[in-house]
Amino acid sequence: MVLLSSGRRGLMIVPSLVAVVVAALAVTAPRGADAYKNYTVGDDKGWYNGLTLPGVDYKAWADGKNFSLGDFLSE
């Protein structure tokens, strides 16, 4: 706990402490760009549409990925 004194030096502690806390939060907070990833299912071979045989082993494709909550899968 920061104690304020009646002197001018004591009043300078609070803004300095706030600046240190804000800087620490900015460094440790996750970045928005790193929060999710976009994946194209099957990479360049695409997604099986039901009319043709799949040209990709989706299990092998998925095994090479580390999916996280918030990731996007697209065709």
PDB file of N, CA and C in Angstrom:
ATOM      1  N   MET A   1       0.840  -1.171   0.000  1.00  0.00           N
ATOM      2  CA  MET A   1       0.000   0.000   0.000  1.00  0.00           C
ATOM      3  C   MET A   1       0.887   1.238   0.000  1.00  0.00           C
ATOM      4  N   VAL A   2       0.554   2.191  -0.811  1.00  0.00           N
ATOM      5  CA  VAL A   2       1.328   3.424  -0.907  1.00  0.00           C
ATOM      6  C   VAL A   2       0.723   4.444   0.050  1.00  0.00           C
ATOM      7  N   LEU A   3       1.561   4.949   0.928  1.00  0.00           N
ATOM      8  CA  LEU A   3       1.105   5.968   1.861  1.00  0.00           C
ATOM      9  C   LEU A   3       1.470   7.336   1.328  1.00  0.00           C
ATOM     10  N   LEU A   4       0.528   8.224   1.375  1.00  0.00           N
ATOM     11  CA  LEU A   4       0.779   9.589   0.919  1.00  0.00           C
ATOM     12  C   LEU A   4       1.208  10.447   2.098  1.00  0.00           C
ATOM     13  N   SER A   5       2.263  11.152   1.908  1.00  0.00           N
ATOM     14  CA  SER A   5       2.675  12.106   2.937  1.00  0.00           C
ATOM     15  C   SER A   5       2.182  13.481   2.528  1.00  0.00           C
ATOM     16  N   SER A   6       2.304  14.399   3.422  1.00  0.00           N
ATOM     17  CA  SER A   6       1.839  15.744   3.111  1.00  0.00           C
ATOM     18  C   SER A   6       2.813  16.486   2.209  1.00  0.00           C
ATOM     19  N   GLY A   7       4.007  15.944   2.031  1.00  0.00           N
ATOM     20  CA  GLY A   7       5.002  16.598   1.193  1.00  0.00           C
ATOM     21  C   GLY A   7       4.770  16.336  -0.284  1.00  0.00           C
ATOM     22  N   ARG A   8       5.483  17.080  -1.093  1.00  0.00           N
ATOM     23  CA  ARG A   8       5.355  16.985  -2.543  1.00  0.00           C
ATOM     24  C   ARG A   8       5.863  15.638  -3.060  1.00  0.00           C
ATOM     25  N   ARG A   9       6.881  15.087  -2.444  1.00  0.00           N
ATOM     26  CA  ARG A   9       7.456  13.809  -2.862  1.00  0.00           C
ATOM     27  C   ARG A   9       6.438  12.670  -2.729  1.00  0.00           C
ATOM     28  N   GLY A  10       5.643  12.683  -1.696  1.00  0.00           N
ATOM     29  CA  GLY A  10       4.640  11.654  -1.479  1.00  0.00           C
ATOM     30  C   GLY A  10       3.579  11.640  -2.564  1.00  0.00           C
ATOM     31  N   LEU A  11       3.241  12.778  -3.096  1.00  0.00           N
ATOM     32  CA  LEU A  11       2.239  12.859  -4.151  1.00  0.00           C
ATOM     33  C   LEU A  11       2.770  12.346  -5.484  1.00  0.00           C
ATOM     34  N   MET A  12       4.077  12.302  -5.664  1.00  0.00           N
ATOM     35  CA  MET A  12       4.675  11.817  -6.905  1.00  0.00           C
ATOM     36  C   MET A  12       4.698  10.287  -6.967  1.00  0.00           C
ATOM     37  N   ILE A  13       4.542   9.630  -5.830  1.00  0.00           N
ATOM     38  CA  ILE A  13       4.587   8.168  -5.792  1.00  0.00           C
ATOM     39  C   ILE A  13       3.398   7.572  -6.536  1.00  0.00           C
ATOM     40  N   VAL A  14       2.224   8.136  -6.391  1.00  0.00           N
ATOM     41  CA  VAL A  14       1.013   7.577  -6.992  1.00  0.00           C
ATOM     42  C   VAL A  14       1.088   7.553  -8.518  1.00  0.00           C
ATOM     43  N   PRO A  15       1.405   8.645  -9.221  1.00  0.00           N
ATOM     44  CA  PRO A  15       1.506   8.561 -10.686  1.00  0.00           C
ATOM     45  C   PRO A  15       2.599   7.601 -11.148  1.00  0.00           C
ATOM     46  N   SER A  16       3.690   7.537 -10.404  1.00  0.00           N
ATOM     47  CA  SER A  16       4.765   6.609 -10.766  1.00  0.00           C
ATOM     48  C   SER A  16       4.303   5.167 -10.623  1.00  0.00           C
ATOM     49  N   LEU A  17       3.588   4.878  -9.559  1.00  0.00           N
ATOM     50  CA  LEU A  17       3.076   3.528  -9.342  1.00  0.00           C
ATOM     51  C   LEU A  17       2.064   3.156 -10.422  1.00  0.00           C
ATOM     52  N   VAL A  18       1.200   4.068 -10.781  1.00  0.00           N
ATOM     53  CA  VAL A  18       0.217   3.821 -11.844  1.00  0.00           C
ATOM     54  C   VAL A  18       0.931   3.536 -13.160  1.00  0.00           C
ATOM     55  N   ALA A  19       1.969   4.294 -13.462  1.00  0.00           N
ATOM     56  CA  ALA A  19       2.719   4.082 -14.705  1.00  0.00           C
ATOM     57  C   ALA A  19       3.375   2.709 -14.721  1.00  0.00           C
ATOM     58  N   VAL A  20       3.914   2.267 -13.595  1.00  0.00           N
ATOM     59  CA  VAL A  20       4.547   0.945 -13.516  1.00  0.00           C
ATOM     60  C   VAL A  20       3.508  -0.154 -13.703  1.00  0.00           C
ATOM     61  N   VAL A  21       2.352  -0.026 -13.088  1.00  0.00           N
ATOM     62  CA  VAL A  21       1.297  -1.038 -13.214  1.00  0.00           C
ATOM     63  C   VAL A  21       0.787  -1.107 -14.653  1.00  0.00           C
ATOM     64  N   VAL A  22       0.559   0.027 -15.285  1.00  0.00           N
ATOM     65  CA  VAL A  22       0.087   0.052 -16.675  1.00  0.00           C
ATOM     66  C   VAL A  22       1.122  -0.569 -17.600  1.00  0.00           C
ATOM     67  N   ALA A  23       2.389  -0.265 -17.393  1.00  0.00           N
ATOM     68  CA  ALA A  23       3.446  -0.845 -18.225  1.00  0.00           C
ATOM     69  C   ALA A  23       3.517  -2.358 -18.044  1.00  0.00           C
ATOM     70  N   ALA A  24       3.379  -2.834 -16.815  1.00  0.00           N
ATOM     71  CA  ALA A  24       3.416  -4.278 -16.557  1.00  0.00           C
ATOM     72  C   ALA A  24       2.239  -4.979 -17.223  1.00  0.00           C
ATOM     73  N   LEU A  25       1.067  -4.385 -17.170  1.00  0.00           N
ATOM     74  CA  LEU A  25      -0.105  -4.982 -17.822  1.00  0.00           C
ATOM     75  C   LEU A  25       0.036  -4.988 -19.334  1.00  0.00           C
ATOM     76  N   ALA A  26       0.598  -3.944 -19.891  1.00  0.00           N
ATOM     77  CA  ALA A  26       0.776  -3.871 -21.347  1.00  0.00           C
ATOM     78  C   ALA A  26       1.743  -4.934 -21.839  1.00  0.00           C
ATOM     79  N   VAL A  27       2.752  -5.235 -21.061  1.00  0.00           N
ATOM     80  CA  VAL A  27       3.745  -6.236 -21.463  1.00  0.00           C
ATOM     81  C   VAL A  27       3.185  -7.642 -21.345  1.00  0.00           C
ATOM     82  N   THR A  28       2.388  -7.908 -20.310  1.00  0.00           N
ATOM     83  CA  THR A  28       1.905  -9.266 -20.069  1.00  0.00           C
ATOM     84  C   THR A  28       0.579  -9.583 -20.741  1.00  0.00           C
ATOM     85  N   ALA A  29      -0.145  -8.600 -21.239  1.00  0.00           N
ATOM     86  CA  ALA A  29      -1.450  -8.836 -21.870  1.00  0.00           C
ATOM     87  C   ALA A  29      -1.274  -9.527 -23.216  1.00  0.00           C
ATOM     88  N   PRO A  30      -2.158 -10.495 -23.543  1.00  0.00           N
ATOM     89  CA  PRO A  30      -2.063 -11.142 -24.857  1.00  0.00           C
ATOM     90  C   PRO A  30      -2.403 -10.166 -25.971  1.00  0.00           C
ATOM     91  N   ARG A  31      -1.744 -10.321 -27.071  1.00  0.00           N
ATOM     92  CA  ARG A  31      -1.992  -9.449 -28.220  1.00  0.00           C
ATOM     93  C   ARG A  31      -3.187  -9.962 -29.001  1.00  0.00           C
ATOM     94  N   GLY A  32      -3.951  -9.056 -29.575  1.00  0.00           N
ATOM     95  CA  GLY A  32      -5.131  -9.435 -30.344  1.00  0.00           C
ATOM     96  C   GLY A  32      -4.794 -10.285 -31.552  1.00  0.00           C
ATOM     97  N   ALA A  33      -3.697 -10.007 -32.224  1.00  0.00           N
ATOM     98  CA  ALA A  33      -3.330 -10.747 -33.423  1.00  0.00           C
ATOM     99  C   ALA A  33      -2.916 -12.178 -33.094  1.00  0.00           C
ATOM    100  N   ASP A  34      -2.432 -12.406 -31.891  1.00  0.00           N
ATOM    101  CA  ASP A  34      -2.008 -13.740 -31.496  1.00  0.00           C
ATOM    102  C   ASP A  34      -3.132 -14.530 -30.841  1.00  0.00           C
ATOM    103  N   ALA A  35      -4.290 -13.916 -30.667  1.00  0.00           N
ATOM    104  CA  ALA A  35      -5.369 -14.548 -29.939  1.00  0.00           C
ATOM    105  C   ALA A  35      -6.056 -15.655 -30.740  1.00  0.00           C
ATOM    106  N   TYR A  36      -6.053 -15.580 -32.049  1.00  0.00           N
ATOM    107  CA  TYR A  36      -6.693 -16.613 -32.858  1.00  0.00           C
ATOM    108  C   TYR A  36      -5.942 -16.767 -34.170  1.00  0.00           C
ATOM    109  N   LYS A  37      -6.209 -17.898 -34.835  1.00  0.00           N
ATOM    110  CA  LYS A  37      -5.610 -18.159 -36.147  1.00  0.00           C
ATOM    111  C   LYS A  37      -6.704 -18.580 -37.113  1.00  0.00           C
ATOM    112  N   ASN A  38      -6.491 -18.316 -38.387  1.00  0.00           N
ATOM    113  CA  ASN A  38      -7.387 -18.773 -39.447  1.00  0.00           C
ATOM    114  C   ASN A  38      -6.753 -19.975 -40.131  1.00  0.00           C
ATOM    115  N   TYR A  39      -7.513 -21.051 -40.260  1.00  0.00           N
ATOM    116  CA  TYR A  39      -7.039 -22.255 -40.930  1.00  0.00           C
ATOM    117  C   TYR A  39      -7.929 -22.547 -42.128  1.00  0.00           C
ATOM    118  N   THR A  40      -7.343 -22.883 -43.250  1.00  0.00           N
ATOM    119  CA  THR A  40      -8.080 -23.375 -44.404  1.00  0.00           C
ATOM    120  C   THR A  40      -8.024 -24.893 -44.340  1.00  0.00           C
ATOM    121  N   VAL A  41      -9.188 -25.514 -44.175  1.00  0.00           N
ATOM    122  CA  VAL A  41      -9.244 -26.965 -44.016  1.00  0.00           C
ATOM    123  C   VAL A  41      -8.678 -27.638 -45.253  1.00  0.00           C
ATOM    124  N   GLY A  42      -7.724 -28.514 -45.062  1.00  0.00           N
ATOM    125  CA  GLY A  42      -7.098 -29.227 -46.163  1.00  0.00           C
ATOM    126  C   GLY A  42      -6.031 -28.418 -46.882  1.00  0.00           C
ATOM    127  N   ASP A  43      -5.726 -27.234 -46.380  1.00  0.00           N
ATOM    128  CA  ASP A  43      -4.753 -26.322 -46.997  1.00  0.00           C
ATOM    129  C   ASP A  43      -5.118 -26.077 -48.460  1.00  0.00           C
ATOM    130  N   ASP A  44      -4.199 -26.274 -49.378  1.00  0.00           N
ATOM    131  CA  ASP A  44      -4.469 -25.957 -50.790  1.00  0.00           C
ATOM    132  C   ASP A  44      -5.359 -26.986 -51.482  1.00  0.00           C
ATOM    133  N   LYS A  45      -5.567 -28.161 -50.860  1.00  0.00           N
ATOM    134  CA  LYS A  45      -6.435 -29.185 -51.466  1.00  0.00           C
ATOM    135  C   LYS A  45      -7.904 -28.965 -51.141  1.00  0.00           C
ATOM    136  N   GLY A  46      -8.194 -28.165 -50.143  1.00  0.00           N
ATOM    137  CA  GLY A  46      -9.567 -27.785 -49.841  1.00  0.00           C
ATOM    138  C   GLY A  46     -10.369 -28.798 -49.052  1.00  0.00           C
ATOM    139  N   TRP A  47     -11.669 -28.566 -49.045  1.00  0.00           N
ATOM    140  CA  TRP A  47     -12.625 -29.337 -48.260  1.00  0.00           C
ATOM    141  C   TRP A  47     -13.396 -30.281 -49.166  1.00  0.00           C
ATOM    142  N   TYR A  48     -13.702 -31.465 -48.675  1.00  0.00           N
ATOM    143  CA  TYR A  48     -14.479 -32.462 -49.407  1.00  0.00           C
ATOM    144  C   TYR A  48     -15.921 -31.976 -49.534  1.00  0.00           C
ATOM    145  N   ASN A  49     -16.429 -31.881 -50.755  1.00  0.00           N
ATOM    146  CA  ASN A  49     -17.774 -31.342 -50.983  1.00  0.00           C
ATOM    147  C   ASN A  49     -18.853 -32.408 -51.119  1.00  0.00           C
ATOM    148  N   GLY A  50     -18.509 -33.674 -51.019  1.00  0.00           N
ATOM    149  CA  GLY A  50     -19.494 -34.744 -51.108  1.00  0.00           C
ATOM    150  C   GLY A  50     -19.725 -35.252 -52.514  1.00  0.00           C
ATOM    151  N   LEU A  51     -19.261 -34.549 -53.537  1.00  0.00           N
ATOM    152  CA  LEU A  51     -19.456 -34.965 -54.922  1.00  0.00           C
ATOM    153  C   LEU A  51     -18.242 -35.712 -55.471  1.00  0.00           C
ATOM    154  N   THR A  52     -17.105 -35.481 -54.897  1.00  0.00           N
ATOM    155  CA  THR A  52     -15.879 -36.143 -55.338  1.00  0.00           C
ATOM    156  C   THR A  52     -15.185 -36.756 -54.134  1.00  0.00           C
ATOM    157  N   LEU A  53     -14.259 -37.628 -54.396  1.00  0.00           N
ATOM    158  CA  LEU A  53     -13.494 -38.213 -53.303  1.00  0.00           C
ATOM    159  C   LEU A  53     -12.566 -37.153 -52.714  1.00  0.00           C
ATOM    160  N   PRO A  54     -12.383 -37.186 -51.394  1.00  0.00           N
ATOM    161  CA  PRO A  54     -11.494 -36.195 -50.789  1.00  0.00           C
ATOM    162  C   PRO A  54     -10.061 -36.388 -51.265  1.00  0.00           C
ATOM    163  N   GLY A  55      -9.390 -35.300 -51.545  1.00  0.00           N
ATOM    164  CA  GLY A  55      -8.009 -35.365 -52.009  1.00  0.00           C
ATOM    165  C   GLY A  55      -7.007 -35.123 -50.904  1.00  0.00           C
ATOM    166  N   VAL A  56      -7.477 -35.164 -49.666  1.00  0.00           N
ATOM    167  CA  VAL A  56      -6.591 -34.883 -48.538  1.00  0.00           C
ATOM    168  C   VAL A  56      -6.966 -35.780 -47.366  1.00  0.00           C
ATOM    169  N   ASP A  57      -5.978 -36.166 -46.593  1.00  0.00           N
ATOM    170  CA  ASP A  57      -6.201 -36.927 -45.366  1.00  0.00           C
ATOM    171  C   ASP A  57      -6.417 -35.906 -44.242  1.00  0.00           C
ATOM    172  N   TYR A  58      -7.679 -35.680 -43.866  1.00  0.00           N
ATOM    173  CA  TYR A  58      -7.995 -34.633 -42.899  1.00  0.00           C
ATOM    174  C   TYR A  58      -7.436 -34.931 -41.516  1.00  0.00           C
ATOM    175  N   LYS A  59      -7.357 -36.205 -41.162  1.00  0.00           N
ATOM    176  CA  LYS A  59      -6.769 -36.548 -39.866  1.00  0.00           C
ATOM    177  C   LYS A  59      -5.302 -36.150 -39.834  1.00  0.00           C
ATOM    178  N   ALA A  60      -4.574 -36.467 -40.882  1.00  0.00           N
ATOM    179  CA  ALA A  60      -3.160 -36.083 -40.946  1.00  0.00           C
ATOM    180  C   ALA A  60      -3.022 -34.563 -40.977  1.00  0.00           C
ATOM    181  N   TRP A  61      -3.928 -33.893 -41.681  1.00  0.00           N
ATOM    182  CA  TRP A  61      -3.889 -32.432 -41.737  1.00  0.00           C
ATOM    183  C   TRP A  61      -4.100 -31.841 -40.345  1.00  0.00           C
ATOM    184  N   ALA A  62      -5.101 -32.352 -39.619  1.00  0.00           N
ATOM    185  CA  ALA A  62      -5.413 -31.829 -38.289  1.00  0.00           C
ATOM    186  C   ALA A  62      -4.328 -32.162 -37.274  1.00  0.00           C
ATOM    187  N   ASP A  63      -3.664 -33.313 -37.439  1.00  0.00           N
ATOM    188  CA  ASP A  63      -2.601 -33.693 -36.506  1.00  0.00           C
ATOM    189  C   ASP A  63      -1.442 -32.704 -36.527  1.00  0.00           C
ATOM    190  N   GLY A  64      -1.260 -32.014 -37.620  1.00  0.00           N
ATOM    191  CA  GLY A  64      -0.164 -31.056 -37.717  1.00  0.00           C
ATOM    192  C   GLY A  64      -0.507 -29.669 -37.204  1.00  0.00           C
ATOM    193  N   LYS A  65      -1.697 -29.508 -36.625  1.00  0.00           N
ATOM    194  CA  LYS A  65      -2.153 -28.189 -36.166  1.00  0.00           C
ATOM    195  C   LYS A  65      -2.342 -28.189 -34.650  1.00  0.00           C
ATOM    196  N   ASN A  66      -2.222 -27.023 -34.062  1.00  0.00           N
ATOM    197  CA  ASN A  66      -2.494 -26.836 -32.641  1.00  0.00           C
ATOM    198  C   ASN A  66      -3.667 -25.864 -32.526  1.00  0.00           C
ATOM    199  N   PHE A  67      -4.892 -26.399 -32.553  1.00  0.00           N
ATOM    200  CA  PHE A  67      -6.087 -25.570 -32.525  1.00  0.00           C
ATOM    201  C   PHE A  67      -6.336 -25.028 -31.123  1.00  0.00           C
ATOM    202  N   SER A  68      -6.867 -23.813 -31.057  1.00  0.00           N
ATOM    203  CA  SER A  68      -7.210 -23.178 -29.789  1.00  0.00           C
ATOM    204  C   SER A  68      -8.605 -22.579 -29.886  1.00  0.00           C
ATOM    205  N   LEU A  69      -9.205 -22.336 -28.741  1.00  0.00           N
ATOM    206  CA  LEU A  69     -10.513 -21.700 -28.691  1.00  0.00           C
ATOM    207  C   LEU A  69     -10.436 -20.343 -29.371  1.00  0.00           C
ATOM    208  N   GLY A  70     -11.344 -20.088 -30.309  1.00  0.00           N
ATOM    209  CA  GLY A  70     -11.361 -18.828 -31.030  1.00  0.00           C
ATOM    210  C   GLY A  70     -10.777 -18.923 -32.426  1.00  0.00           C
ATOM    211  N   ASP A  71     -10.130 -20.048 -32.759  1.00  0.00           N
ATOM    212  CA  ASP A  71      -9.588 -20.218 -34.107  1.00  0.00           C
ATOM    213  C   ASP A  71     -10.728 -20.355 -35.109  1.00  0.00           C
ATOM    214  N   PHE A  72     -10.466 -19.982 -36.361  1.00  0.00           N
ATOM    215  CA  PHE A  72     -11.460 -20.066 -37.432  1.00  0.00           C
ATOM    216  C   PHE A  72     -11.048 -21.134 -38.432  1.00  0.00           C
ATOM    217  N   LEU A  73     -12.019 -21.963 -38.836  1.00  0.00           N
ATOM    218  CA  LEU A  73     -11.809 -22.959 -39.889  1.00  0.00           C
ATOM    219  C   LEU A  73     -12.635 -22.537 -41.088  1.00  0.00           C
ATOM    220  N   SER A  74     -12.025 -22.517 -42.250  1.00  0.00           N
ATOM    221  CA  SER A  74     -12.745 -22.134 -43.462  1.00  0.00           C
ATOM    222  C   SER A  74     -12.479 -23.154 -44.554  1.00  0.00           C
ATOM    223  N   GLU A  75     -13.302 -23.089 -45.601  1.00  0.00           N
ATOM    224  CA  GLU A  75     -13.165 -24.018 -46.725  1.00  0.00           C
ATOM    225  C   GLU A  75     -12.023 -23.620 -47.611  1.00  0.00           C
TER     226      GLU A  75
END
